[in-house]
Amino acid sequence: MKDEYDLSTMKSNRNPYASKLKKPVTMRLSEDVVDYFKSMAEDSGVPYQSLINLYLRDCVAQHRKIDISWDAKN
């Protein structure tokens, strides 16, 4: 092994995983929702934020649509 390396002669490569990086976002979630995923995280050993991401990724992969409708009360 050399004592010193000249890194100025190295060529840089684009990160092939850059398109798969996660984007930080701020969300407001109900306390019971967070508690639910934290409980699942304890059982599975997977961080709760990763579980939320996995669930949302599954929704994307399955093209799930949410049905939000309220009954009109007269």
PDB file of N, CA and C in Angstrom:
ATOM      1  N   MET A   1       0.842  -1.169   0.000  1.00  0.00           N
ATOM      2  CA  MET A   1       0.000   0.000   0.000  1.00  0.00           C
ATOM      3  C   MET A   1       0.890   1.236   0.000  1.00  0.00           C
ATOM      4  N   LYS A   2       0.500   2.217  -0.799  1.00  0.00           N
ATOM      5  CA  LYS A   2       1.270   3.462  -0.866  1.00  0.00           C
ATOM      6  C   LYS A   2       0.994   4.323   0.360  1.00  0.00           C
ATOM      7  N   ASP A   3       1.968   5.159   0.690  1.00  0.00           N
ATOM      8  CA  ASP A   3       1.778   6.104   1.789  1.00  0.00           C
ATOM      9  C   ASP A   3       0.797   7.199   1.394  1.00  0.00           C
ATOM     10  N   GLU A   4       0.827   7.593   0.104  1.00  0.00           N
ATOM     11  CA  GLU A   4      -0.059   8.640  -0.384  1.00  0.00           C
ATOM     12  C   GLU A   4      -0.597   8.259  -1.759  1.00  0.00           C
ATOM     13  N   TYR A   5      -1.804   8.698  -2.047  1.00  0.00           N
ATOM     14  CA  TYR A   5      -2.424   8.485  -3.354  1.00  0.00           C
ATOM     15  C   TYR A   5      -2.790   9.835  -3.953  1.00  0.00           C
ATOM     16  N   ASP A   6      -2.605   9.972  -5.264  1.00  0.00           N
ATOM     17  CA  ASP A   6      -2.957  11.205  -5.954  1.00  0.00           C
ATOM     18  C   ASP A   6      -4.370  11.044  -6.516  1.00  0.00           C
ATOM     19  N   LEU A   7      -5.352  11.555  -5.790  1.00  0.00           N
ATOM     20  CA  LEU A   7      -6.750  11.412  -6.194  1.00  0.00           C
ATOM     21  C   LEU A   7      -7.153  12.403  -7.276  1.00  0.00           C
ATOM     22  N   SER A   8      -6.312  13.385  -7.555  1.00  0.00           N
ATOM     23  CA  SER A   8      -6.655  14.385  -8.567  1.00  0.00           C
ATOM     24  C   SER A   8      -6.649  13.791  -9.972  1.00  0.00           C
ATOM     25  N   THR A   9      -6.014  12.671 -10.171  1.00  0.00           N
ATOM     26  CA  THR A   9      -5.963  12.052 -11.494  1.00  0.00           C
ATOM     27  C   THR A   9      -7.099  11.057 -11.716  1.00  0.00           C
ATOM     28  N   MET A  10      -7.883  10.807 -10.690  1.00  0.00           N
ATOM     29  CA  MET A  10      -8.981   9.847 -10.818  1.00  0.00           C
ATOM     30  C   MET A  10     -10.158  10.474 -11.543  1.00  0.00           C
ATOM     31  N   LYS A  11     -10.860   9.685 -12.321  1.00  0.00           N
ATOM     32  CA  LYS A  11     -12.069  10.141 -12.990  1.00  0.00           C
ATOM     33  C   LYS A  11     -13.253   9.832 -12.071  1.00  0.00           C
ATOM     34  N   SER A  12     -14.189  10.769 -12.015  1.00  0.00           N
ATOM     35  CA  SER A  12     -15.383  10.537 -11.197  1.00  0.00           C
ATOM     36  C   SER A  12     -16.473   9.900 -12.055  1.00  0.00           C
ATOM     37  N   ASN A  13     -17.255   9.075 -11.444  1.00  0.00           N
ATOM     38  CA  ASN A  13     -18.379   8.419 -12.108  1.00  0.00           C
ATOM     39  C   ASN A  13     -19.674   8.882 -11.464  1.00  0.00           C
ATOM     40  N   ARG A  14     -20.718   8.934 -12.262  1.00  0.00           N
ATOM     41  CA  ARG A  14     -22.030   9.261 -11.721  1.00  0.00           C
ATOM     42  C   ARG A  14     -22.497   8.122 -10.828  1.00  0.00           C
ATOM     43  N   ASN A  15     -23.210   8.479  -9.795  1.00  0.00           N
ATOM     44  CA  ASN A  15     -23.769   7.485  -8.894  1.00  0.00           C
ATOM     45  C   ASN A  15     -24.903   6.758  -9.613  1.00  0.00           C
ATOM     46  N   PRO A  16     -24.771   5.440  -9.846  1.00  0.00           N
ATOM     47  CA  PRO A  16     -25.833   4.720 -10.566  1.00  0.00           C
ATOM     48  C   PRO A  16     -27.101   4.570  -9.742  1.00  0.00           C
ATOM     49  N   TYR A  17     -27.028   4.832  -8.444  1.00  0.00           N
ATOM     50  CA  TYR A  17     -28.185   4.677  -7.571  1.00  0.00           C
ATOM     51  C   TYR A  17     -28.841   6.017  -7.244  1.00  0.00           C
ATOM     52  N   ALA A  18     -28.364   7.096  -7.845  1.00  0.00           N
ATOM     53  CA  ALA A  18     -28.871   8.428  -7.518  1.00  0.00           C
ATOM     54  C   ALA A  18     -30.371   8.541  -7.762  1.00  0.00           C
ATOM     55  N   SER A  19     -30.884   7.886  -8.782  1.00  0.00           N
ATOM     56  CA  SER A  19     -32.316   7.971  -9.069  1.00  0.00           C
ATOM     57  C   SER A  19     -33.143   7.199  -8.045  1.00  0.00           C
ATOM     58  N   LYS A  20     -32.501   6.335  -7.265  1.00  0.00           N
ATOM     59  CA  LYS A  20     -33.223   5.537  -6.282  1.00  0.00           C
ATOM     60  C   LYS A  20     -33.086   6.093  -4.867  1.00  0.00           C
ATOM     61  N   LEU A  21     -32.418   7.232  -4.731  1.00  0.00           N
ATOM     62  CA  LEU A  21     -32.242   7.819  -3.416  1.00  0.00           C
ATOM     63  C   LEU A  21     -33.580   8.298  -2.870  1.00  0.00           C
ATOM     64  N   LYS A  22     -33.677   8.333  -1.571  1.00  0.00           N
ATOM     65  CA  LYS A  22     -34.916   8.776  -0.940  1.00  0.00           C
ATOM     66  C   LYS A  22     -34.903  10.287  -0.791  1.00  0.00           C
ATOM     67  N   LYS A  23     -36.072  10.868  -0.896  1.00  0.00           N
ATOM     68  CA  LYS A  23     -36.231  12.309  -0.767  1.00  0.00           C
ATOM     69  C   LYS A  23     -36.813  12.601   0.614  1.00  0.00           C
ATOM     70  N   PRO A  24     -36.154  13.439   1.391  1.00  0.00           N
ATOM     71  CA  PRO A  24     -36.703  13.761   2.711  1.00  0.00           C
ATOM     72  C   PRO A  24     -37.946  14.644   2.573  1.00  0.00           C
ATOM     73  N   VAL A  25     -38.981  14.278   3.317  1.00  0.00           N
ATOM     74  CA  VAL A  25     -40.220  15.056   3.337  1.00  0.00           C
ATOM     75  C   VAL A  25     -40.684  15.213   4.779  1.00  0.00           C
ATOM     76  N   THR A  26     -41.497  16.208   4.998  1.00  0.00           N
ATOM     77  CA  THR A  26     -42.096  16.397   6.313  1.00  0.00           C
ATOM     78  C   THR A  26     -43.578  16.087   6.192  1.00  0.00           C
ATOM     79  N   MET A  27     -44.050  15.202   7.066  1.00  0.00           N
ATOM     80  CA  MET A  27     -45.464  14.815   7.048  1.00  0.00           C
ATOM     81  C   MET A  27     -46.020  14.902   8.455  1.00  0.00           C
ATOM     82  N   ARG A  28     -47.275  15.195   8.547  1.00  0.00           N
ATOM     83  CA  ARG A  28     -47.958  15.145   9.828  1.00  0.00           C
ATOM     84  C   ARG A  28     -48.837  13.898   9.819  1.00  0.00           C
ATOM     85  N   LEU A  29     -48.509  12.963  10.711  1.00  0.00           N
ATOM     86  CA  LEU A  29     -49.250  11.715  10.809  1.00  0.00           C
ATOM     87  C   LEU A  29     -49.931  11.646  12.166  1.00  0.00           C
ATOM     88  N   SER A  30     -51.070  10.998  12.207  1.00  0.00           N
ATOM     89  CA  SER A  30     -51.769  10.813  13.474  1.00  0.00           C
ATOM     90  C   SER A  30     -50.913   9.981  14.411  1.00  0.00           C
ATOM     91  N   GLU A  31     -51.034  10.271  15.692  1.00  0.00           N
ATOM     92  CA  GLU A  31     -50.224   9.574  16.684  1.00  0.00           C
ATOM     93  C   GLU A  31     -50.484   8.069  16.661  1.00  0.00           C
ATOM     94  N   ASP A  32     -51.746   7.680  16.458  1.00  0.00           N
ATOM     95  CA  ASP A  32     -52.058   6.247  16.434  1.00  0.00           C
ATOM     96  C   ASP A  32     -51.433   5.547  15.234  1.00  0.00           C
ATOM     97  N   VAL A  33     -51.294   6.269  14.121  1.00  0.00           N
ATOM     98  CA  VAL A  33     -50.651   5.696  12.930  1.00  0.00           C
ATOM     99  C   VAL A  33     -49.169   5.457  13.203  1.00  0.00           C
ATOM    100  N   VAL A  34     -48.514   6.441  13.793  1.00  0.00           N
ATOM    101  CA  VAL A  34     -47.094   6.310  14.115  1.00  0.00           C
ATOM    102  C   VAL A  34     -46.894   5.182  15.129  1.00  0.00           C
ATOM    103  N   ASP A  35     -47.749   5.129  16.148  1.00  0.00           N
ATOM    104  CA  ASP A  35     -47.656   4.067  17.158  1.00  0.00           C
ATOM    105  C   ASP A  35     -47.818   2.690  16.528  1.00  0.00           C
ATOM    106  N   TYR A  36     -48.740   2.579  15.576  1.00  0.00           N
ATOM    107  CA  TYR A  36     -48.975   1.309  14.877  1.00  0.00           C
ATOM    108  C   TYR A  36     -47.704   0.844  14.161  1.00  0.00           C
ATOM    109  N   PHE A  37     -47.083   1.750  13.408  1.00  0.00           N
ATOM    110  CA  PHE A  37     -45.881   1.371  12.666  1.00  0.00           C
ATOM    111  C   PHE A  37     -44.686   1.160  13.595  1.00  0.00           C
ATOM    112  N   LYS A  38     -44.619   1.902  14.695  1.00  0.00           N
ATOM    113  CA  LYS A  38     -43.544   1.682  15.658  1.00  0.00           C
ATOM    114  C   LYS A  38     -43.680   0.313  16.316  1.00  0.00           C
ATOM    115  N   SER A  39     -44.919  -0.102  16.588  1.00  0.00           N
ATOM    116  CA  SER A  39     -45.162  -1.437  17.150  1.00  0.00           C
ATOM    117  C   SER A  39     -44.743  -2.517  16.168  1.00  0.00           C
ATOM    118  N   MET A  40     -45.102  -2.326  14.911  1.00  0.00           N
ATOM    119  CA  MET A  40     -44.695  -3.279  13.872  1.00  0.00           C
ATOM    120  C   MET A  40     -43.177  -3.304  13.749  1.00  0.00           C
ATOM    121  N   ALA A  41     -42.545  -2.147  13.909  1.00  0.00           N
ATOM    122  CA  ALA A  41     -41.089  -2.048  13.802  1.00  0.00           C
ATOM    123  C   ALA A  41     -40.412  -2.856  14.909  1.00  0.00           C
ATOM    124  N   GLU A  42     -40.960  -2.781  16.111  1.00  0.00           N
ATOM    125  CA  GLU A  42     -40.392  -3.555  17.224  1.00  0.00           C
ATOM    126  C   GLU A  42     -40.498  -5.052  16.952  1.00  0.00           C
ATOM    127  N   ASP A  43     -41.643  -5.471  16.403  1.00  0.00           N
ATOM    128  CA  ASP A  43     -41.856  -6.894  16.116  1.00  0.00           C
ATOM    129  C   ASP A  43     -40.966  -7.401  14.989  1.00  0.00           C
ATOM    130  N   SER A  44     -40.752  -6.555  13.983  1.00  0.00           N
ATOM    131  CA  SER A  44     -40.026  -7.004  12.787  1.00  0.00           C
ATOM    132  C   SER A  44     -38.542  -6.663  12.810  1.00  0.00           C
ATOM    133  N   GLY A  45     -38.151  -5.687  13.638  1.00  0.00           N
ATOM    134  CA  GLY A  45     -36.756  -5.263  13.657  1.00  0.00           C
ATOM    135  C   GLY A  45     -36.399  -4.328  12.512  1.00  0.00           C
ATOM    136  N   VAL A  46     -37.419  -3.816  11.821  1.00  0.00           N
ATOM    137  CA  VAL A  46     -37.221  -2.870  10.714  1.00  0.00           C
ATOM    138  C   VAL A  46     -37.643  -1.494  11.215  1.00  0.00           C
ATOM    139  N   PRO A  47     -36.861  -0.443  10.970  1.00  0.00           N
ATOM    140  CA  PRO A  47     -37.249   0.890  11.429  1.00  0.00           C
ATOM    141  C   PRO A  47     -38.640   1.285  10.923  1.00  0.00           C
ATOM    142  N   TYR A  48     -39.387   1.981  11.786  1.00  0.00           N
ATOM    143  CA  TYR A  48     -40.779   2.296  11.440  1.00  0.00           C
ATOM    144  C   TYR A  48     -40.886   3.168  10.192  1.00  0.00           C
ATOM    145  N   GLN A  49     -39.931   4.071   9.962  1.00  0.00           N
ATOM    146  CA  GLN A  49     -39.991   4.894   8.760  1.00  0.00           C
ATOM    147  C   GLN A  49     -39.803   4.034   7.510  1.00  0.00           C
ATOM    148  N   SER A  50     -38.985   3.005   7.620  1.00  0.00           N
ATOM    149  CA  SER A  50     -38.803   2.081   6.490  1.00  0.00           C
ATOM    150  C   SER A  50     -40.077   1.296   6.233  1.00  0.00           C
ATOM    151  N   LEU A  51     -40.775   0.914   7.309  1.00  0.00           N
ATOM    152  CA  LEU A  51     -42.045   0.188   7.140  1.00  0.00           C
ATOM    153  C   LEU A  51     -43.086   1.066   6.443  1.00  0.00           C
ATOM    154  N   ILE A  52     -43.154   2.324   6.851  1.00  0.00           N
ATOM    155  CA  ILE A  52     -44.090   3.243   6.189  1.00  0.00           C
ATOM    156  C   ILE A  52     -43.731   3.370   4.718  1.00  0.00           C
ATOM    157  N   ASN A  53     -42.445   3.501   4.413  1.00  0.00           N
ATOM    158  CA  ASN A  53     -41.997   3.598   3.021  1.00  0.00           C
ATOM    159  C   ASN A  53     -42.347   2.325   2.244  1.00  0.00           C
ATOM    160  N   LEU A  54     -42.125   1.168   2.860  1.00  0.00           N
ATOM    161  CA  LEU A  54     -42.457  -0.098   2.199  1.00  0.00           C
ATOM    162  C   LEU A  54     -43.952  -0.200   1.902  1.00  0.00           C
ATOM    163  N   TYR A  55     -44.763   0.223   2.863  1.00  0.00           N
ATOM    164  CA  TYR A  55     -46.215   0.185   2.652  1.00  0.00           C
ATOM    165  C   TYR A  55     -46.621   1.110   1.500  1.00  0.00           C
ATOM    166  N   LEU A  56     -46.079   2.307   1.494  1.00  0.00           N
ATOM    167  CA  LEU A  56     -46.416   3.248   0.422  1.00  0.00           C
ATOM    168  C   LEU A  56     -45.893   2.764  -0.934  1.00  0.00           C
ATOM    169  N   ARG A  57     -44.714   2.135  -0.942  1.00  0.00           N
ATOM    170  CA  ARG A  57     -44.182   1.574  -2.196  1.00  0.00           C
ATOM    171  C   ARG A  57     -45.116   0.482  -2.729  1.00  0.00           C
ATOM    172  N   ASP A  58     -45.662  -0.327  -1.806  1.00  0.00           N
ATOM    173  CA  ASP A  58     -46.600  -1.374  -2.208  1.00  0.00           C
ATOM    174  C   ASP A  58     -47.855  -0.753  -2.815  1.00  0.00           C
ATOM    175  N   CYS A  59     -48.329   0.338  -2.226  1.00  0.00           N
ATOM    176  CA  CYS A  59     -49.486   1.043  -2.792  1.00  0.00           C
ATOM    177  C   CYS A  59     -49.197   1.518  -4.210  1.00  0.00           C
ATOM    178  N   VAL A  60     -48.001   2.035  -4.420  1.00  0.00           N
ATOM    179  CA  VAL A  60     -47.603   2.501  -5.758  1.00  0.00           C
ATOM    180  C   VAL A  60     -47.531   1.320  -6.723  1.00  0.00           C
ATOM    181  N   ALA A  61     -46.894   0.235  -6.280  1.00  0.00           N
ATOM    182  CA  ALA A  61     -46.714  -0.934  -7.161  1.00  0.00           C
ATOM    183  C   ALA A  61     -48.053  -1.559  -7.544  1.00  0.00           C
ATOM    184  N   GLN A  62     -49.017  -1.514  -6.620  1.00  0.00           N
ATOM    185  CA  GLN A  62     -50.328  -2.109  -6.878  1.00  0.00           C
ATOM    186  C   GLN A  62     -51.319  -1.116  -7.483  1.00  0.00           C
ATOM    187  N   HIS A  63     -50.858   0.106  -7.713  1.00  0.00           N
ATOM    188  CA  HIS A  63     -51.702   1.171  -8.272  1.00  0.00           C
ATOM    189  C   HIS A  63     -52.979   1.347  -7.463  1.00  0.00           C
ATOM    190  N   ARG A  64     -52.828   1.315  -6.138  1.00  0.00           N
ATOM    191  CA  ARG A  64     -53.992   1.472  -5.273  1.00  0.00           C
ATOM    192  C   ARG A  64     -54.488   2.914  -5.323  1.00  0.00           C
ATOM    193  N   LYS A  65     -55.789   3.045  -5.370  1.00  0.00           N
ATOM    194  CA  LYS A  65     -56.432   4.357  -5.341  1.00  0.00           C
ATOM    195  C   LYS A  65     -57.251   4.451  -4.070  1.00  0.00           C
ATOM    196  N   ILE A  66     -57.235   5.597  -3.444  1.00  0.00           N
ATOM    197  CA  ILE A  66     -58.009   5.784  -2.227  1.00  0.00           C
ATOM    198  C   ILE A  66     -59.413   6.247  -2.604  1.00  0.00           C
ATOM    199  N   ASP A  67     -60.395   5.722  -1.904  1.00  0.00           N
ATOM    200  CA  ASP A  67     -61.778   6.104  -2.128  1.00  0.00           C
ATOM    201  C   ASP A  67     -62.215   6.947  -0.935  1.00  0.00           C
ATOM    202  N   ILE A  68     -62.251   8.238  -1.139  1.00  0.00           N
ATOM    203  CA  ILE A  68     -62.672   9.142  -0.081  1.00  0.00           C
ATOM    204  C   ILE A  68     -64.051   9.658  -0.427  1.00  0.00           C
ATOM    205  N   SER A  69     -65.007   9.199   0.343  1.00  0.00           N
ATOM    206  CA  SER A  69     -66.366   9.680   0.136  1.00  0.00           C
ATOM    207  C   SER A  69     -67.068   9.736   1.490  1.00  0.00           C
ATOM    208  N   TRP A  70     -67.813  10.770   1.672  1.00  0.00           N
ATOM    209  CA  TRP A  70     -68.563  10.937   2.904  1.00  0.00           C
ATOM    210  C   TRP A  70     -70.038  10.903   2.560  1.00  0.00           C
ATOM    211  N   ASP A  71     -70.795  10.244   3.408  1.00  0.00           N
ATOM    212  CA  ASP A  71     -72.239  10.232   3.209  1.00  0.00           C
ATOM    213  C   ASP A  71     -72.796  11.610   3.510  1.00  0.00           C
ATOM    214  N   ALA A  72     -73.630  12.068   2.617  1.00  0.00           N
ATOM    215  CA  ALA A  72     -74.258  13.375   2.825  1.00  0.00           C
ATOM    216  C   ALA A  72     -75.416  13.216   3.799  1.00  0.00           C
ATOM    217  N   LYS A  73     -75.351  13.963   4.889  1.00  0.00           N
ATOM    218  CA  LYS A  73     -76.430  13.919   5.882  1.00  0.00           C
ATOM    219  C   LYS A  73     -77.338  15.112   5.663  1.00  0.00           C
ATOM    220  N   ASN A  74     -78.608  14.850   5.609  1.00  0.00           N
ATOM    221  CA  ASN A  74     -79.570  15.943   5.396  1.00  0.00           C
ATOM    222  C   ASN A  74     -80.230  16.325   6.683  1.00  0.00           C
TER     223      ASN A  74
END
